[in-house]
């Protein structure tokens, strides 16, 4: 079974989050992307305390697609240093994990 990943990123607004989600699934870099409601983020950037409203994405993909997924996020992301965090999915419904692997495969066998 291919290792599945949950990748987290935040976008500055719902429109850019939706556009990125559609593009990642269209390119088969992700099997599914959940667009969550806006959150308030508090962080330090370039020495200053910042606060921003952001739209989080939960991206499900196969580990083999991670490098291409990261490159696509960076290319489309408006932030200089976007949050891109990948967490291995340690366990899950086998049929769902197989689906992630199939839907995020670079080539599809139909």
N, C-alpha and C. Protein backbone atom coordinates (compact mmCIF):
# COMPACT_ATOMS: atom_id res chain seq x y z
N UNK A 1 0.85 -1.18 0.00
CA UNK A 1 0.00 0.00 0.00
C UNK A 1 0.89 1.24 0.00
N UNK A 2 0.56 2.22 -0.81
CA UNK A 2 1.29 3.49 -0.88
C UNK A 2 1.03 4.30 0.38
N UNK A 3 2.07 4.95 0.90
CA UNK A 3 1.93 5.81 2.07
C UNK A 3 1.06 7.00 1.71
N UNK A 4 0.04 7.23 2.51
CA UNK A 4 -0.84 8.38 2.33
C UNK A 4 -0.38 9.51 3.24
N UNK A 5 -0.57 10.74 2.77
CA UNK A 5 -0.21 11.93 3.54
C UNK A 5 -1.40 12.86 3.68
N UNK A 6 -1.43 13.58 4.80
CA UNK A 6 -2.34 14.69 5.00
C UNK A 6 -1.47 15.94 4.99
N UNK A 7 -1.72 16.82 4.02
CA UNK A 7 -0.91 18.03 3.86
C UNK A 7 -1.77 19.22 4.25
N UNK A 8 -1.20 20.10 5.06
CA UNK A 8 -1.90 21.28 5.55
C UNK A 8 -1.29 22.53 4.93
N UNK A 9 -2.15 23.45 4.53
CA UNK A 9 -1.71 24.77 4.12
C UNK A 9 -2.85 25.75 4.39
N UNK A 10 -2.53 27.03 4.44
CA UNK A 10 -3.52 28.08 4.64
C UNK A 10 -3.39 29.09 3.51
N UNK A 11 -4.53 29.57 3.03
CA UNK A 11 -4.57 30.61 1.99
C UNK A 11 -5.21 31.87 2.58
N UNK A 12 -4.94 33.02 1.98
CA UNK A 12 -5.44 34.27 2.55
C UNK A 12 -6.94 34.49 2.42
N UNK A 13 -7.61 33.72 1.54
CA UNK A 13 -9.06 33.91 1.37
C UNK A 13 -9.68 32.66 0.75
N UNK A 14 -11.00 32.60 0.80
CA UNK A 14 -11.72 31.42 0.31
C UNK A 14 -11.58 31.24 -1.20
N UNK A 15 -11.54 32.32 -1.95
CA UNK A 15 -11.44 32.22 -3.41
C UNK A 15 -10.11 31.58 -3.83
N UNK A 16 -9.01 32.02 -3.23
CA UNK A 16 -7.72 31.43 -3.59
C UNK A 16 -7.61 30.00 -3.09
N UNK A 17 -8.23 29.69 -1.95
CA UNK A 17 -8.23 28.32 -1.43
C UNK A 17 -9.00 27.40 -2.37
N UNK A 18 -10.15 27.85 -2.83
CA UNK A 18 -10.96 27.03 -3.74
C UNK A 18 -10.25 26.83 -5.08
N UNK A 19 -9.63 27.86 -5.59
CA UNK A 19 -8.91 27.75 -6.86
C UNK A 19 -7.76 26.74 -6.73
N UNK A 20 -7.00 26.82 -5.65
CA UNK A 20 -5.90 25.89 -5.45
C UNK A 20 -6.41 24.46 -5.27
N UNK A 21 -7.46 24.29 -4.50
CA UNK A 21 -8.03 22.95 -4.28
C UNK A 21 -8.43 22.30 -5.60
N UNK A 22 -9.14 23.05 -6.44
CA UNK A 22 -9.56 22.52 -7.74
C UNK A 22 -8.36 22.15 -8.61
N UNK A 23 -7.35 22.99 -8.61
CA UNK A 23 -6.17 22.74 -9.44
C UNK A 23 -5.41 21.50 -8.97
N UNK A 24 -5.27 21.33 -7.66
CA UNK A 24 -4.54 20.17 -7.14
C UNK A 24 -5.25 18.86 -7.48
N UNK A 25 -6.57 18.85 -7.37
CA UNK A 25 -7.33 17.64 -7.71
C UNK A 25 -7.32 17.43 -9.22
N UNK A 26 -7.46 18.50 -9.99
CA UNK A 26 -7.45 18.39 -11.45
C UNK A 26 -6.13 17.78 -11.94
N UNK A 27 -5.03 18.19 -11.33
CA UNK A 27 -3.72 17.69 -11.73
C UNK A 27 -3.39 16.32 -11.11
N UNK A 28 -4.31 15.76 -10.35
CA UNK A 28 -4.12 14.48 -9.66
C UNK A 28 -2.98 14.54 -8.66
N UNK A 29 -2.71 15.72 -8.13
CA UNK A 29 -1.73 15.86 -7.07
C UNK A 29 -2.36 15.57 -5.72
N UNK A 30 -3.68 15.59 -5.67
CA UNK A 30 -4.44 15.29 -4.46
C UNK A 30 -5.68 14.51 -4.85
N UNK A 31 -6.05 13.59 -3.97
CA UNK A 31 -7.29 12.84 -4.17
C UNK A 31 -8.48 13.67 -3.71
N UNK A 32 -8.26 14.45 -2.66
CA UNK A 32 -9.35 15.24 -2.06
C UNK A 32 -8.73 16.41 -1.32
N UNK A 33 -9.43 17.53 -1.35
CA UNK A 33 -9.01 18.70 -0.58
C UNK A 33 -10.23 19.22 0.17
N UNK A 34 -10.12 19.30 1.49
CA UNK A 34 -11.17 19.90 2.31
C UNK A 34 -10.83 21.37 2.52
N UNK A 35 -11.79 22.23 2.24
CA UNK A 35 -11.64 23.66 2.47
C UNK A 35 -12.41 23.98 3.75
N UNK A 36 -11.68 24.37 4.77
CA UNK A 36 -12.29 24.63 6.07
C UNK A 36 -12.72 26.08 6.18
N UNK A 37 -13.59 26.37 7.15
CA UNK A 37 -13.97 27.76 7.38
C UNK A 37 -12.76 28.59 7.81
N UNK A 38 -12.86 29.87 7.65
CA UNK A 38 -11.76 30.77 7.98
C UNK A 38 -11.35 30.61 9.45
N UNK A 39 -10.05 30.76 9.66
CA UNK A 39 -9.48 30.73 11.01
C UNK A 39 -8.67 32.01 11.21
N UNK A 40 -8.45 32.35 12.46
CA UNK A 40 -7.59 33.49 12.77
C UNK A 40 -6.23 32.93 13.16
N UNK A 41 -5.19 33.38 12.48
CA UNK A 41 -3.83 32.94 12.76
C UNK A 41 -3.05 34.07 13.41
N UNK A 42 -2.29 33.73 14.43
CA UNK A 42 -1.41 34.68 15.12
C UNK A 42 0.00 34.11 14.99
N UNK A 43 0.93 34.94 14.50
CA UNK A 43 2.27 34.45 14.24
C UNK A 43 3.26 35.61 14.24
N UNK A 44 4.54 35.26 14.30
CA UNK A 44 5.59 36.27 14.20
C UNK A 44 6.16 36.18 12.80
N UNK A 45 6.25 37.30 12.09
CA UNK A 45 6.83 37.33 10.75
C UNK A 45 7.75 38.53 10.64
N UNK A 46 8.99 38.28 10.29
CA UNK A 46 10.01 39.31 10.13
C UNK A 46 10.08 40.23 11.34
N UNK A 47 10.04 39.62 12.52
CA UNK A 47 10.20 40.34 13.78
C UNK A 47 8.96 41.00 14.33
N UNK A 48 7.84 40.94 13.60
CA UNK A 48 6.62 41.60 14.06
C UNK A 48 5.54 40.57 14.36
N UNK A 49 4.75 40.86 15.37
CA UNK A 49 3.60 40.02 15.70
C UNK A 49 2.49 40.32 14.70
N UNK A 50 1.98 39.29 14.05
CA UNK A 50 0.97 39.45 13.00
C UNK A 50 -0.29 38.67 13.37
N UNK A 51 -1.39 39.07 12.77
CA UNK A 51 -2.66 38.35 12.90
C UNK A 51 -3.36 38.45 11.56
N UNK A 52 -3.88 37.30 11.09
CA UNK A 52 -4.55 37.28 9.79
C UNK A 52 -5.67 36.25 9.80
N UNK A 53 -6.69 36.53 9.00
CA UNK A 53 -7.72 35.53 8.77
C UNK A 53 -7.29 34.72 7.56
N UNK A 54 -7.32 33.39 7.68
CA UNK A 54 -6.87 32.50 6.61
C UNK A 54 -7.87 31.38 6.41
N UNK A 55 -7.80 30.75 5.24
CA UNK A 55 -8.65 29.61 4.92
C UNK A 55 -7.77 28.36 4.84
N UNK A 56 -7.95 27.41 5.77
CA UNK A 56 -7.13 26.20 5.79
C UNK A 56 -7.59 25.17 4.76
N UNK A 57 -6.62 24.44 4.24
CA UNK A 57 -6.88 23.30 3.36
C UNK A 57 -6.30 22.05 3.99
N UNK A 58 -7.06 20.96 3.93
CA UNK A 58 -6.60 19.62 4.31
C UNK A 58 -6.52 18.82 3.01
N UNK A 59 -5.31 18.46 2.62
CA UNK A 59 -5.06 17.85 1.32
C UNK A 59 -4.64 16.39 1.54
N UNK A 60 -5.34 15.46 0.88
CA UNK A 60 -4.98 14.05 0.97
C UNK A 60 -4.30 13.62 -0.32
N UNK A 61 -3.10 13.02 -0.18
CA UNK A 61 -2.32 12.63 -1.34
C UNK A 61 -1.46 11.43 -1.00
N UNK A 62 -0.82 10.86 -2.02
CA UNK A 62 0.15 9.80 -1.82
C UNK A 62 1.53 10.40 -1.65
N UNK A 63 2.38 9.74 -0.88
CA UNK A 63 3.72 10.25 -0.62
C UNK A 63 4.53 10.45 -1.90
N UNK A 64 4.29 9.62 -2.89
CA UNK A 64 5.02 9.73 -4.16
C UNK A 64 4.70 11.03 -4.90
N UNK A 65 3.59 11.67 -4.58
CA UNK A 65 3.19 12.91 -5.25
C UNK A 65 3.55 14.16 -4.45
N UNK A 66 4.16 13.97 -3.26
CA UNK A 66 4.39 15.11 -2.39
C UNK A 66 5.25 16.20 -3.02
N UNK A 67 6.36 15.85 -3.62
CA UNK A 67 7.25 16.89 -4.18
C UNK A 67 6.54 17.71 -5.24
N UNK A 68 5.79 17.06 -6.12
CA UNK A 68 5.04 17.79 -7.16
C UNK A 68 3.93 18.63 -6.53
N UNK A 69 3.28 18.10 -5.50
CA UNK A 69 2.24 18.85 -4.78
C UNK A 69 2.82 20.09 -4.13
N UNK A 70 3.95 19.93 -3.45
CA UNK A 70 4.60 21.08 -2.81
C UNK A 70 4.97 22.14 -3.83
N UNK A 71 5.50 21.72 -4.97
CA UNK A 71 5.87 22.67 -6.02
C UNK A 71 4.64 23.41 -6.55
N UNK A 72 3.53 22.70 -6.72
CA UNK A 72 2.30 23.34 -7.21
C UNK A 72 1.74 24.34 -6.20
N UNK A 73 1.79 23.99 -4.93
CA UNK A 73 1.32 24.92 -3.89
C UNK A 73 2.20 26.17 -3.89
N UNK A 74 3.51 25.98 -3.91
CA UNK A 74 4.42 27.13 -3.90
C UNK A 74 4.21 28.03 -5.11
N UNK A 75 3.98 27.43 -6.27
CA UNK A 75 3.80 28.21 -7.50
C UNK A 75 2.53 29.05 -7.46
N UNK A 76 1.49 28.54 -6.82
CA UNK A 76 0.20 29.23 -6.82
C UNK A 76 -0.04 30.07 -5.57
N UNK A 77 0.80 29.92 -4.56
CA UNK A 77 0.55 30.55 -3.26
C UNK A 77 1.06 31.98 -3.23
N UNK A 78 0.27 32.90 -2.69
CA UNK A 78 0.70 34.30 -2.66
C UNK A 78 1.70 34.63 -1.56
N UNK A 79 1.87 33.74 -0.57
CA UNK A 79 2.78 34.03 0.53
C UNK A 79 4.23 33.76 0.12
N UNK A 80 5.14 34.55 0.66
CA UNK A 80 6.57 34.34 0.41
C UNK A 80 7.02 32.97 0.95
N UNK A 81 6.55 32.62 2.14
CA UNK A 81 6.85 31.33 2.75
C UNK A 81 5.54 30.70 3.21
N UNK A 82 4.89 29.94 2.33
CA UNK A 82 3.61 29.35 2.72
C UNK A 82 3.79 28.20 3.70
N UNK A 83 2.81 28.04 4.56
CA UNK A 83 2.78 26.85 5.42
C UNK A 83 2.47 25.65 4.54
N UNK A 84 3.36 24.68 4.53
CA UNK A 84 3.13 23.40 3.85
C UNK A 84 3.68 22.34 4.80
N UNK A 85 2.78 21.62 5.45
CA UNK A 85 3.16 20.61 6.42
C UNK A 85 2.53 19.29 5.99
N UNK A 86 3.35 18.24 5.89
CA UNK A 86 2.86 16.92 5.50
C UNK A 86 2.95 15.98 6.70
N UNK A 87 1.83 15.34 7.00
CA UNK A 87 1.76 14.38 8.09
C UNK A 87 1.45 13.01 7.51
N UNK A 88 2.20 11.98 7.90
CA UNK A 88 1.86 10.64 7.41
C UNK A 88 0.56 10.18 8.04
N UNK A 89 -0.25 9.53 7.26
CA UNK A 89 -1.49 8.94 7.77
C UNK A 89 -1.10 7.54 8.25
N UNK A 90 -1.08 7.34 9.56
CA UNK A 90 -0.60 6.09 10.16
C UNK A 90 -1.59 4.95 9.98
N UNK A 91 -2.87 5.27 9.96
CA UNK A 91 -3.90 4.24 9.83
C UNK A 91 -5.15 4.88 9.27
N UNK A 92 -5.98 4.04 8.67
CA UNK A 92 -7.24 4.51 8.12
C UNK A 92 -7.97 3.36 7.45
N UNK A 93 -9.16 3.61 7.03
CA UNK A 93 -9.94 2.60 6.32
C UNK A 93 -9.16 2.19 5.08
N UNK A 94 -8.78 0.93 4.93
CA UNK A 94 -7.96 0.51 3.79
C UNK A 94 -8.54 0.92 2.44
N UNK A 95 -9.84 0.80 2.27
CA UNK A 95 -10.45 1.18 0.98
C UNK A 95 -10.26 2.67 0.71
N UNK A 96 -10.35 3.51 1.75
CA UNK A 96 -10.15 4.95 1.58
C UNK A 96 -8.70 5.26 1.24
N UNK A 97 -7.77 4.61 1.94
CA UNK A 97 -6.35 4.84 1.66
C UNK A 97 -5.99 4.37 0.25
N UNK A 98 -6.58 3.26 -0.20
CA UNK A 98 -6.38 2.81 -1.58
C UNK A 98 -6.91 3.83 -2.56
N UNK A 99 -8.06 4.43 -2.25
CA UNK A 99 -8.66 5.46 -3.11
C UNK A 99 -7.73 6.67 -3.23
N UNK A 100 -7.15 7.09 -2.09
CA UNK A 100 -6.20 8.21 -2.13
C UNK A 100 -5.05 7.87 -3.08
N UNK A 101 -4.52 6.67 -2.96
CA UNK A 101 -3.40 6.26 -3.82
C UNK A 101 -3.80 6.28 -5.29
N UNK A 102 -4.98 5.76 -5.61
CA UNK A 102 -5.43 5.72 -7.01
C UNK A 102 -5.67 7.11 -7.56
N UNK A 103 -6.35 7.95 -6.80
CA UNK A 103 -6.75 9.27 -7.30
C UNK A 103 -5.62 10.27 -7.33
N UNK A 104 -4.54 10.01 -6.63
CA UNK A 104 -3.41 10.94 -6.66
C UNK A 104 -2.23 10.34 -7.43
N UNK A 105 -2.48 9.27 -8.17
CA UNK A 105 -1.42 8.66 -8.97
C UNK A 105 -1.12 9.52 -10.19
N UNK A 106 0.15 9.56 -10.55
CA UNK A 106 0.56 10.36 -11.71
C UNK A 106 -0.07 9.83 -12.99
N UNK A 107 -0.19 8.51 -13.10
CA UNK A 107 -0.82 7.89 -14.26
C UNK A 107 -2.00 7.08 -13.78
N UNK A 108 -3.04 7.09 -14.56
CA UNK A 108 -4.25 6.37 -14.17
C UNK A 108 -4.44 5.20 -15.10
N UNK A 109 -4.65 4.04 -14.53
CA UNK A 109 -4.97 2.84 -15.30
C UNK A 109 -6.48 2.65 -15.27
N UNK A 110 -7.13 2.81 -16.39
CA UNK A 110 -8.59 2.66 -16.43
C UNK A 110 -8.98 1.38 -17.14
